[in-house]
Each structure stands twice: as C-alpha cells, then as structure tokens.
C-alpha atoms as a PDB file:
ATOM      1  CA  MET A   1     -15.967   9.692   3.116  1.00  0.00           C
ATOM      2  CA  LYS A   2     -13.104  11.241   1.206  1.00  0.00           C
ATOM      3  CA  GLN A   3      -9.872   9.251   1.046  1.00  0.00           C
ATOM      4  CA  SER A   4      -6.251  10.235   0.604  1.00  0.00           C
ATOM      5  CA  VAL A   5      -4.376   7.476  -1.241  1.00  0.00           C
ATOM      6  CA  ILE A   6      -0.600   7.290  -0.722  1.00  0.00           C
ATOM      7  CA  LEU A   7       1.467   5.279  -3.220  1.00  0.00           C
ATOM      8  CA  SER A   8       5.166   4.676  -2.575  1.00  0.00           C
ATOM      9  CA  THR A   9       7.541   4.381  -5.526  1.00  0.00           C
ATOM     10  CA  TYR A  10      11.214   4.308  -6.449  1.00  0.00           C
ATOM     11  CA  ASN A  11      12.521   4.137 -10.047  1.00  0.00           C
ATOM     12  CA  GLN A  12       9.846   1.754 -11.314  1.00  0.00           C
ATOM     13  CA  ALA A  13       8.281   4.072 -13.890  1.00  0.00           C
ATOM     14  CA  ASP A  14       6.770   1.315 -16.050  1.00  0.00           C
ATOM     15  CA  TRP A  15       5.179  -0.407 -13.074  1.00  0.00           C
ATOM     16  CA  LEU A  16       3.974   2.898 -11.631  1.00  0.00           C
ATOM     17  CA  GLU A  17       2.286   3.793 -14.912  1.00  0.00           C
ATOM     18  CA  LYS A  18       0.325   0.516 -14.833  1.00  0.00           C
ATOM     19  CA  ALA A  19      -0.655   1.029 -11.207  1.00  0.00           C
ATOM     20  CA  LEU A  20      -1.840   4.572 -11.877  1.00  0.00           C
ATOM     21  CA  HIS A  21      -4.196   3.354 -14.606  1.00  0.00           C
ATOM     22  CA  GLY A  22      -5.949   1.318 -11.939  1.00  0.00           C
ATOM     23  CA  TYR A  23      -6.945   4.490 -10.103  1.00  0.00           C
ATOM     24  CA  LEU A  24      -8.660   5.826 -13.217  1.00  0.00           C
ATOM     25  CA  CYS A  25     -11.059   2.857 -13.015  1.00  0.00           C
ATOM     26  CA  GLN A  26     -12.132   3.001  -9.363  1.00  0.00           C
ATOM     27  CA  THR A  27     -15.822   2.716  -8.503  1.00  0.00           C
ATOM     28  CA  PHE A  28     -15.140   4.981  -5.499  1.00  0.00           C
ATOM     29  CA  THR A  29     -14.194   8.414  -6.812  1.00  0.00           C
ATOM     30  CA  ASP A  30     -13.902  10.818  -3.863  1.00  0.00           C
ATOM     31  CA  PHE A  31     -10.152  10.646  -3.325  1.00  0.00           C
ATOM     32  CA  GLU A  32      -6.851  12.383  -3.893  1.00  0.00           C
ATOM     33  CA  LEU A  33      -3.676  10.558  -4.895  1.00  0.00           C
ATOM     34  CA  LEU A  34      -0.291  11.317  -3.359  1.00  0.00           C
ATOM     35  CA  ILE A  35       2.775   9.627  -4.850  1.00  0.00           C
ATOM     36  CA  ALA A  36       5.480   9.258  -2.197  1.00  0.00           C
ATOM     37  CA  ASP A  37       8.620   9.138  -4.332  1.00  0.00           C
ATOM     38  CA  ASP A  38      11.790   7.966  -2.591  1.00  0.00           C
ATOM     39  CA  GLY A  39      14.157   9.811  -4.964  1.00  0.00           C
ATOM     40  CA  SER A  40      13.259   8.520  -8.438  1.00  0.00           C
ATOM     41  CA  ASP A  41      14.781  10.003 -11.582  1.00  0.00           C
ATOM     42  CA  ALA A  42      13.151  12.188 -14.236  1.00  0.00           C
ATOM     43  CA  ARG A  43      11.402   9.283 -15.955  1.00  0.00           C
ATOM     44  CA  THR A  44       9.084   8.775 -13.001  1.00  0.00           C
ATOM     45  CA  LYS A  45       8.293  12.496 -12.898  1.00  0.00           C
ATOM     46  CA  ALA A  46       7.390  12.390 -16.597  1.00  0.00           C
ATOM     47  CA  VAL A  47       4.975   9.489 -16.011  1.00  0.00           C
ATOM     48  CA  ILE A  48       3.314  11.354 -13.135  1.00  0.00           C
ATOM     49  CA  ASP A  49       3.087  14.641 -15.060  1.00  0.00           C
ATOM     50  CA  THR A  50       1.449  12.922 -18.039  1.00  0.00           C
ATOM     51  CA  PHE A  51      -0.939  10.987 -15.825  1.00  0.00           C
ATOM     52  CA  SER A  52      -1.964  14.112 -13.908  1.00  0.00           C
ATOM     53  CA  GLN A  53      -3.310  15.644 -17.103  1.00  0.00           C
ATOM     54  CA  SER A  54      -5.842  12.834 -17.602  1.00  0.00           C
ATOM     55  CA  ALA A  55      -6.753  12.119 -13.973  1.00  0.00           C
ATOM     56  CA  HIS A  56     -10.188  13.190 -12.698  1.00  0.00           C
ATOM     57  CA  PHE A  57      -8.857  13.543  -9.140  1.00  0.00           C
ATOM     58  CA  PRO A  58      -6.033  15.579  -7.558  1.00  0.00           C
ATOM     59  CA  VAL A  59      -2.552  14.102  -7.998  1.00  0.00           C
ATOM     60  CA  HIS A  60       0.406  15.234  -5.865  1.00  0.00           C
ATOM     61  CA  HIS A  61       4.030  14.213  -6.373  1.00  0.00           C
ATOM     62  CA  ILE A  62       5.900  14.165  -3.037  1.00  0.00           C
ATOM     63  CA  TRP A  63       9.628  13.737  -3.749  1.00  0.00           C
ATOM     64  CA  HIS A  64      12.945  13.894  -1.942  1.00  0.00           C
ATOM     65  CA  ALA A  65      16.513  13.270  -3.076  1.00  0.00           C
ATOM     66  CA  ASP A  66      17.783   9.699  -3.336  1.00  0.00           C
ATOM     67  CA  GLU A  67      19.674   8.808  -0.142  1.00  0.00           C
ATOM     68  CA  GLY A  68      19.198   5.064  -0.271  1.00  0.00           C
ATOM     69  CA  PHE A  69      16.068   3.273   0.927  1.00  0.00           C
ATOM     70  CA  GLN A  70      14.149   5.960   2.841  1.00  0.00           C
ATOM     71  CA  LYS A  71      10.560   4.894   2.215  1.00  0.00           C
ATOM     72  CA  THR A  72       9.449   5.634   5.768  1.00  0.00           C
ATOM     73  CA  ARG A  73      10.706   9.207   5.529  1.00  0.00           C
ATOM     74  CA  ILE A  74       8.879   9.998   2.294  1.00  0.00           C
ATOM     75  CA  LEU A  75       5.691   8.325   3.556  1.00  0.00           C
ATOM     76  CA  ASN A  76       5.726  10.587   6.602  1.00  0.00           C
ATOM     77  CA  LYS A  77       6.097  13.626   4.355  1.00  0.00           C
ATOM     78  CA  ALA A  78       3.145  12.459   2.287  1.00  0.00           C
ATOM     79  CA  ILE A  79       0.983  11.897   5.383  1.00  0.00           C
ATOM     80  CA  LEU A  80       1.428  15.553   6.330  1.00  0.00           C
ATOM     81  CA  GLU A  81       0.256  16.590   2.838  1.00  0.00           C
ATOM     82  CA  THR A  82      -3.014  14.622   2.950  1.00  0.00           C
ATOM     83  CA  THR A  83      -6.344  16.449   3.243  1.00  0.00           C
ATOM     84  CA  ALA A  84      -8.671  13.532   4.101  1.00  0.00           C
ATOM     85  CA  ASP A  85      -9.414  11.938   7.463  1.00  0.00           C
ATOM     86  CA  TYR A  86      -8.969   8.424   6.066  1.00  0.00           C
ATOM     87  CA  LEU A  87      -5.713   7.246   4.450  1.00  0.00           C
ATOM     88  CA  VAL A  88      -5.196   4.288   2.094  1.00  0.00           C
ATOM     89  CA  PHE A  89      -1.647   3.049   1.454  1.00  0.00           C
ATOM     90  CA  SER A  90      -0.346   0.991  -1.443  1.00  0.00           C
ATOM     91  CA  ASP A  91       2.768   0.676  -3.597  1.00  0.00           C
ATOM     92  CA  GLY A  92       3.545   1.865  -7.094  1.00  0.00           C
ATOM     93  CA  ASP A  93       4.006  -1.733  -8.255  1.00  0.00           C
ATOM     94  CA  CYS A  94       0.434  -2.726  -7.278  1.00  0.00           C
ATOM     95  CA  ILE A  95      -2.541  -2.352  -9.615  1.00  0.00           C
ATOM     96  CA  PRO A  96      -5.739  -1.859  -7.592  1.00  0.00           C
ATOM     97  CA  HIS A  97      -8.882  -3.822  -8.353  1.00  0.00           C
ATOM     98  CA  PRO A  98     -11.656  -1.463  -9.578  1.00  0.00           C
ATOM     99  CA  GLU A  99     -13.469  -1.875  -6.231  1.00  0.00           C
ATOM    100  CA  PHE A 100     -10.282  -1.493  -4.152  1.00  0.00           C
ATOM    101  CA  LEU A 101     -11.051   1.957  -2.718  1.00  0.00           C
ATOM    102  CA  GLU A 102     -14.748   1.202  -2.386  1.00  0.00           C
ATOM    103  CA  SER A 103     -13.908  -1.839  -0.261  1.00  0.00           C
ATOM    104  CA  HIS A 104     -11.681   0.201   2.034  1.00  0.00           C
ATOM    105  CA  ALA A 105     -14.346   2.898   2.374  1.00  0.00           C
ATOM    106  CA  ARG A 106     -17.122   0.392   3.049  1.00  0.00           C
ATOM    107  CA  GLN A 107     -15.155  -1.525   5.692  1.00  0.00           C
ATOM    108  CA  ALA A 108     -13.634   1.441   7.561  1.00  0.00           C
ATOM    109  CA  ARG A 109     -14.463   1.470  11.276  1.00  0.00           C
ATOM    110  CA  GLN A 110     -13.339   3.648  14.160  1.00  0.00           C
ATOM    111  CA  GLY A 111     -10.802   1.868  16.345  1.00  0.00           C
ATOM    112  CA  GLN A 112      -9.548  -0.348  13.515  1.00  0.00           C
ATOM    113  CA  PHE A 113      -7.142  -0.400  10.608  1.00  0.00           C
ATOM    114  CA  LEU A 114      -7.669  -2.551   7.509  1.00  0.00           C
ATOM    115  CA  SER A 115      -5.245  -5.078   6.053  1.00  0.00           C
ATOM    116  CA  GLY A 116      -5.856  -5.926   2.392  1.00  0.00           C
ATOM    117  CA  GLY A 117      -4.392  -8.555   0.099  1.00  0.00           C
ATOM    118  CA  TYR A 118      -2.479  -8.932  -3.123  1.00  0.00           C
ATOM    119  CA  CYS A 119      -2.072 -11.363  -5.969  1.00  0.00           C
ATOM    120  CA  LYS A 120       1.554 -11.533  -7.125  1.00  0.00           C
ATOM    121  CA  LEU A 121       1.858 -11.896 -10.889  1.00  0.00           C
ATOM    122  CA  PRO A 122       4.633 -13.778 -12.696  1.00  0.00           C
ATOM    123  CA  ALA A 123       7.323 -11.679 -14.377  1.00  0.00           C
ATOM    124  CA  LYS A 124       6.128 -12.068 -17.984  1.00  0.00           C
ATOM    125  CA  LEU A 125       2.534 -11.234 -17.143  1.00  0.00           C
ATOM    126  CA  SER A 126       3.736  -8.240 -15.120  1.00  0.00           C
ATOM    127  CA  ARG A 127       5.519  -6.954 -18.220  1.00  0.00           C
ATOM    128  CA  ASP A 128       2.724  -7.754 -20.670  1.00  0.00           C
ATOM    129  CA  ILE A 129      -0.307  -6.428 -18.806  1.00  0.00           C
ATOM    130  CA  SER A 130      -1.551  -3.264 -20.528  1.00  0.00           C
ATOM    131  CA  ALA A 131      -3.590  -0.184 -19.744  1.00  0.00           C
ATOM    132  CA  ASP A 132      -6.396  -1.606 -21.881  1.00  0.00           C
ATOM    133  CA  ASP A 133      -6.331  -4.852 -19.876  1.00  0.00           C
ATOM    134  CA  ILE A 134      -6.793  -2.776 -16.731  1.00  0.00           C
ATOM    135  CA  ARG A 135      -9.468  -0.480 -18.173  1.00  0.00           C
ATOM    136  CA  THR A 136     -11.598  -3.365 -19.481  1.00  0.00           C
ATOM    137  CA  ARG A 137     -11.145  -5.344 -16.209  1.00  0.00           C
ATOM    138  CA  ARG A 138      -9.655  -8.292 -18.112  1.00  0.00           C
ATOM    139  CA  ALA A 139      -6.668  -8.049 -15.812  1.00  0.00           C
ATOM    140  CA  PHE A 140      -8.858  -8.996 -12.842  1.00  0.00           C
ATOM    141  CA  GLN A 141     -10.577 -12.008 -14.411  1.00  0.00           C
ATOM    142  CA  LEU A 142      -9.213 -15.259 -13.037  1.00  0.00           C
ATOM    143  CA  GLY A 143      -9.517 -17.169 -16.306  1.00  0.00           C
ATOM    144  CA  TRP A 144      -7.622 -14.469 -18.204  1.00  0.00           C
ATOM    145  CA  LEU A 145      -4.860 -14.434 -15.571  1.00  0.00           C
ATOM    146  CA  ARG A 146      -4.539 -18.221 -15.431  1.00  0.00           C
ATOM    147  CA  ALA A 147      -4.296 -18.426 -19.220  1.00  0.00           C
ATOM    148  CA  ARG A 148      -1.285 -16.106 -18.960  1.00  0.00           C
ATOM    149  CA  GLY A 149       0.603 -17.971 -16.297  1.00  0.00           C
ATOM    150  CA  LEU A 150      -0.934 -17.212 -12.904  1.00  0.00           C
ATOM    151  CA  ARG A 151      -0.545 -20.177 -10.569  1.00  0.00           C
ATOM    152  CA  GLY A 152      -1.098 -20.841  -6.877  1.00  0.00           C
ATOM    153  CA  PHE A 153      -4.286 -21.662  -5.000  1.00  0.00           C
ATOM    154  CA  SER A 154      -4.239 -18.734  -2.561  1.00  0.00           C
ATOM    155  CA  LYS A 155      -3.461 -16.213  -5.312  1.00  0.00           C
ATOM    156  CA  CYS A 156      -6.303 -17.475  -7.452  1.00  0.00           C
ATOM    157  CA  LEU A 157      -8.704 -17.539  -4.521  1.00  0.00           C
ATOM    158  CA  ARG A 158      -7.849 -13.980  -3.554  1.00  0.00           C
ATOM    159  CA  ILE A 159      -8.421 -12.499  -7.004  1.00  0.00           C
ATOM    160  CA  GLY A 160     -11.122 -14.902  -8.150  1.00  0.00           C
ATOM    161  CA  SER A 161     -13.419 -15.369  -5.154  1.00  0.00           C
ATOM    162  CA  PRO A 162     -17.052 -14.265  -5.751  1.00  0.00           C
ATOM    163  CA  SER A 163     -17.898 -10.989  -4.019  1.00  0.00           C
ATOM    164  CA  HIS A 164     -20.562 -12.610  -1.836  1.00  0.00           C
ATOM    165  CA  LEU A 165     -18.024 -15.160  -0.509  1.00  0.00           C
ATOM    166  CA  SER A 166     -15.136 -12.749   0.095  1.00  0.00           C
ATOM    167  CA  PRO A 167     -16.312 -11.591   3.560  1.00  0.00           C
ATOM    168  CA  LEU A 168     -16.660 -15.212   4.670  1.00  0.00           C
ATOM    169  CA  LEU A 169     -13.184 -16.061   3.412  1.00  0.00           C
ATOM    170  CA  ASP A 170     -11.766 -13.075   5.290  1.00  0.00           C
ATOM    171  CA  ALA A 171     -13.561 -14.132   8.457  1.00  0.00           C
ATOM    172  CA  CYS A 172     -12.177 -17.684   8.174  1.00  0.00           C
ATOM    173  CA  THR A 173      -8.576 -16.994   7.161  1.00  0.00           C
ATOM    174  CA  PRO A 174      -5.960 -17.873   9.805  1.00  0.00           C
ATOM    175  CA  THR A 175      -3.662 -15.109   8.528  1.00  0.00           C
ATOM    176  CA  LYS A 176      -3.184 -12.338  11.086  1.00  0.00           C
ATOM    177  CA  ALA A 177      -4.191  -8.836  10.017  1.00  0.00           C
ATOM    178  CA  THR A 178      -1.009  -6.748   9.830  1.00  0.00           C
ATOM    179  CA  TRP A 179      -0.255  -3.313   8.402  1.00  0.00           C
ATOM    180  CA  ASN A 180       1.123  -4.125   4.947  1.00  0.00           C
ATOM    181  CA  GLY A 181       2.523  -1.326   2.805  1.00  0.00           C
ATOM    182  CA  HIS A 182       1.043  -2.746  -0.382  1.00  0.00           C
ATOM    183  CA  ASN A 183      -2.545  -2.605   0.899  1.00  0.00           C
ATOM    184  CA  ALA A 184      -3.628  -1.072   4.209  1.00  0.00           C
ATOM    185  CA  SER A 185      -5.732   1.801   5.448  1.00  0.00           C
ATOM    186  CA  GLY A 186      -6.538   3.668   8.634  1.00  0.00           C
ATOM    187  CA  TRP A 187      -7.622   6.917  10.193  1.00  0.00           C
ATOM    188  CA  LYS A 188      -5.174   9.782   9.891  1.00  0.00           C
ATOM    189  CA  SER A 189      -5.727  10.689  13.544  1.00  0.00           C
ATOM    190  CA  ASP A 190      -4.627   7.187  14.628  1.00  0.00           C
ATOM    191  CA  ILE A 191      -1.532   7.291  12.414  1.00  0.00           C
ATOM    192  CA  LEU A 192      -0.570  10.695  13.820  1.00  0.00           C
ATOM    193  CA  ALA A 193      -1.187   9.397  17.358  1.00  0.00           C
ATOM    194  CA  VAL A 194       1.637   6.840  16.898  1.00  0.00           C
ATOM    195  CA  ASN A 195       3.811   9.426  15.077  1.00  0.00           C
ATOM    196  CA  GLY A 196       3.692   7.748  11.671  1.00  0.00           C
ATOM    197  CA  PHE A 197       6.420   5.482  10.338  1.00  0.00           C
ATOM    198  CA  ASN A 198       9.740   4.903  12.098  1.00  0.00           C
ATOM    199  CA  GLU A 199      12.364   6.624   9.940  1.00  0.00           C
ATOM    200  CA  ALA A 200      15.179   4.617  11.540  1.00  0.00           C
ATOM    201  CA  MET A 201      13.874   1.612   9.611  1.00  0.00           C
ATOM    202  CA  GLN A 202      14.649   0.683   6.024  1.00  0.00           C
ATOM    203  CA  TYR A 203      13.469  -2.330   4.003  1.00  0.00           C
ATOM    204  CA  GLY A 204      11.874  -5.248   5.822  1.00  0.00           C
ATOM    205  CA  GLY A 205       8.839  -4.967   8.081  1.00  0.00           C
ATOM    206  CA  GLU A 206       8.988  -1.171   8.277  1.00  0.00           C
ATOM    207  CA  ASP A 207       5.268  -0.941   7.496  1.00  0.00           C
ATOM    208  CA  ARG A 208       4.312  -3.656   9.976  1.00  0.00           C
ATOM    209  CA  GLU A 209       6.132  -1.907  12.820  1.00  0.00           C
ATOM    210  CA  MET A 210       3.774   1.062  12.594  1.00  0.00           C
ATOM    211  CA  GLY A 211       0.855  -1.368  12.646  1.00  0.00           C
ATOM    212  CA  GLU A 212       2.282  -2.946  15.786  1.00  0.00           C
ATOM    213  CA  ARG A 213       2.333   0.458  17.481  1.00  0.00           C
ATOM    214  CA  LEU A 214      -1.286   0.982  16.397  1.00  0.00           C
ATOM    215  CA  VAL A 215      -2.211  -2.331  18.022  1.00  0.00           C
ATOM    216  CA  ASN A 216      -0.368  -1.281  21.188  1.00  0.00           C
ATOM    217  CA  LEU A 217      -2.505   1.869  21.151  1.00  0.00           C
ATOM    218  CA  GLY A 218      -5.655  -0.245  20.971  1.00  0.00           C
ATOM    219  CA  ILE A 219      -6.289   0.112  17.222  1.00  0.00           C
ATOM    220  CA  LEU A 220      -6.963  -3.410  16.026  1.00  0.00           C
ATOM    221  CA  GLY A 221      -6.269  -4.740  12.543  1.00  0.00           C
ATOM    222  CA  ARG A 222      -9.029  -6.351  10.494  1.00  0.00           C
ATOM    223  CA  GLY A 223      -8.277  -8.443   7.424  1.00  0.00           C
ATOM    224  CA  ILE A 224      -9.965  -7.769   4.081  1.00  0.00           C
ATOM    225  CA  ARG A 225      -7.518  -9.825   2.013  1.00  0.00           C
ATOM    226  CA  HIS A 226     -10.232 -11.138  -0.310  1.00  0.00           C
ATOM    227  CA  GLN A 227     -12.350  -7.975  -0.417  1.00  0.00           C
ATOM    228  CA  ALA A 228      -9.644  -5.420  -1.257  1.00  0.00           C
ATOM    229  CA  VAL A 229      -7.058  -6.827  -3.657  1.00  0.00           C
ATOM    230  CA  THR A 230      -4.212  -5.515  -5.783  1.00  0.00           C
ATOM    231  CA  LEU A 231      -2.189  -7.154  -8.553  1.00  0.00           C
ATOM    232  CA  HIS A 232       1.444  -7.098  -7.428  1.00  0.00           C
ATOM    233  CA  LEU A 233       3.872  -6.715 -10.348  1.00  0.00           C
ATOM    234  CA  ASP A 234       7.070  -8.745 -10.130  1.00  0.00           C
ATOM    235  CA  HIS A 235      10.466  -6.996  -9.968  1.00  0.00           C
ATOM    236  CA  SER A 236      13.903  -7.331  -8.413  1.00  0.00           C
ATOM    237  CA  ARG A 237      14.871  -5.632  -5.137  1.00  0.00           C
ATOM    238  CA  GLY A 238      18.512  -4.693  -5.506  1.00  0.00           C
ATOM    239  CA  TYR A 239      18.289  -2.278  -2.584  1.00  0.00           C
ATOM    240  CA  VAL A 240      17.743  -5.032   0.017  1.00  0.00           C
ATOM    241  CA  LYS A 241      20.645  -5.684   2.398  1.00  0.00           C
ATOM    242  CA  PRO A 242      20.798  -8.250   5.244  1.00  0.00           C
ATOM    243  CA  GLU A 243      21.774  -5.600   7.774  1.00  0.00           C
ATOM    244  CA  MET A 244      18.535  -3.721   7.020  1.00  0.00           C
ATOM    245  CA  ILE A 245      16.489  -6.796   7.870  1.00  0.00           C
ATOM    246  CA  GLU A 246      18.407  -7.462  11.095  1.00  0.00           C
ATOM    247  CA  LYS A 247      18.094  -3.866  12.291  1.00  0.00           C
ATOM    248  CA  ASN A 248      14.365  -3.785  11.555  1.00  0.00           C
ATOM    249  CA  LEU A 249      13.749  -7.077  13.338  1.00  0.00           C
ATOM    250  CA  ALA A 250      15.412  -5.676  16.448  1.00  0.00           C
ATOM    251  CA  ILE A 251      13.288  -2.506  16.328  1.00  0.00           C
ATOM    252  CA  ARG A 252      10.099  -4.518  15.896  1.00  0.00           C
ATOM    253  CA  GLU A 253      10.990  -6.806  18.783  1.00  0.00           C
ATOM    254  CA  HIS A 254      11.520  -3.759  21.022  1.00  0.00           C
ATOM    255  CA  THR A 255       8.185  -2.290  19.908  1.00  0.00           C
ATOM    256  CA  ARG A 256       6.337  -5.479  20.799  1.00  0.00           C
ATOM    257  CA  LYS A 257       8.090  -6.093  24.127  1.00  0.00           C
ATOM    258  CA  SER A 258       7.873  -2.483  25.316  1.00  0.00           C
ATOM    259  CA  ARG A 259       4.275  -2.081  24.082  1.00  0.00           C
ATOM    260  CA  SER A 260       5.417   1.187  22.543  1.00  0.00           C
ATOM    261  CA  THR A 261       2.831   3.424  20.884  1.00  0.00           C
ATOM    262  CA  TRP A 262       5.246   6.157  19.739  1.00  0.00           C
ATOM    263  CA  THR A 263       8.488   6.483  17.788  1.00  0.00           C
ATOM    264  CA  ALA A 264      10.838   9.387  18.385  1.00  0.00           C
ATOM    265  CA  ASP A 265      12.059   8.865  14.789  1.00  0.00           C
ATOM    266  CA  GLY A 266       8.655   9.495  13.221  1.00  0.00           C
ATOM    267  CA  ILE A 267       6.870  12.541  11.839  1.00  0.00           C
ATOM    268  CA  HIS A 268       7.815  14.598  14.886  1.00  0.00           C
ATOM    269  CA  LYS A 269      11.412  14.107  16.025  1.00  0.00           C
ATOM    270  CA  ARG A 270      10.872  14.094  19.770  1.00  0.00           C
ATOM    271  CA  PRO A 271      10.078  11.678  22.605  1.00  0.00           C
ATOM    272  CA  GLN A 272       6.410  11.118  23.384  1.00  0.00           C
ATOM    273  CA  GLY A 273       4.905  13.919  25.452  1.00  0.00           C
END
C-alpha cells in the first residue's frame, strides 16, 4: 500500500532537516513525501532542495506566501497533490522512528483513522541530535536518550516499550484517539468526504477538529501511540495568540454539537451538497 506523507513546516529549517533524515531510514519504502510549507523563507527551500537530491522517494515542496498561521490552508493544498490512497500526517519538527511508516501501513483499516504518539525531547537534546544519531538509530534508544536528559515516565514508555508489548499498551491506554497533526493517518477518500481541514481555524486544535468531523461521519479513531512514535523537537511558538485558541474552541464545540461532517471552509469552498 503506497503512502503519501504530508509534513507541515514553517521557518524551522534546522528541525526540518533532522526530521527529513528520519524518512531516509524508514523500513517501509513505498511512499512519497510532500512538505506543506506555510510560507517559510529561502533557507527552508534550500534544505528541501538539498534533501531531494539524496532521497530515494519523490519529494514535493508545496508552498504559499506567509500570511500568518495558515497551516490548514497549506495542508489542504498538499492533500490535493497526493497520489496515494492512504495519507500519513506529521510535522517538520518530528523525527519519525524507523518503523513509523511501517506501523501506519500495518495498522491501517477501512472505517478508521490512526492516532500515533510522540516523545517530546528537551531543548538541548533537540539541538544536539544529529543525522548520524538518526541513521544509526541511537536517537531511538531509551538509554541513549535518558543519558542526554530525557525524563518522564510516559515519554520513556512510549519510545522505549518493547515491540511485542506496544499493542497491549495501546489497547490499555485511557487516552482517547484523536487526530493529532504530529502523527495521524487515514484514507484520502475519508478526508475528502469531510472536505479536509477547516481553513477558518489557526493554531490550537485545528487538526483535531477534522478528526471530530471524521468521527461524526462514522470513521473511528484508533490509538497506536506506542507503535508509531516520533521524536518531537522542542521550540518556541511565537505565532500563538489567545484569540486563535478561543476561536478554534468555539468552532470545535459547534462541530461536536451539530455532529457536522463537512466544513464550507475546507478544500472546496461551498456548503455540503
């Protein structure tokens, strides 16, 4: 099953470069990579151009001009450029485990979307982690991470649980499966059926709102937090504003109460039907 992988990014060229190295090391290799760029400067383009020359899979740079936080808009553009039936979403500040795409492919089921997990790294480790650490898989060894400052039981469990125990941990976790932008996947036909992401939304739950429309449609989320993991690199979020959060919360509340399966502010700018 071919996959189209969509990575969102905005002016985090160093972090994006680390994340991209993770896709060179995937055990699952039948995929294309689309970088949904929310208006980054020339440095990000240079990283992508250099990476494209060494990648053994197609790489596409989907870009639009910087007009503030417009992640949902660029993600919708990227969705229309995909060529696979199954779409995997992550962020350009997340390094995928070598078996990340294989886990999504293995667990994909009709009528479901998948909700993966992440292990957030401390700031110094985020800066210090290298392409060689990723290539040799050192970066995904719990002992190596703990020796360099990783703390927190749930983080360590997520990245360090044995592969034979991961399905059991996912089955037992009380955490609800939601559509998370850093690690989620689903069928392109289902995403198109809810009209993609709501472009009226900015930072704060904008990914989850699409997942809530999928659930309203009857597409249920299934958690694979311990089976499909990324390393989340630490960084500031200067673009976050309280009014964004408040607006998004109101939209999500309406989506849940109305049981809406469609957004008129999505890929197609029209009411449902």
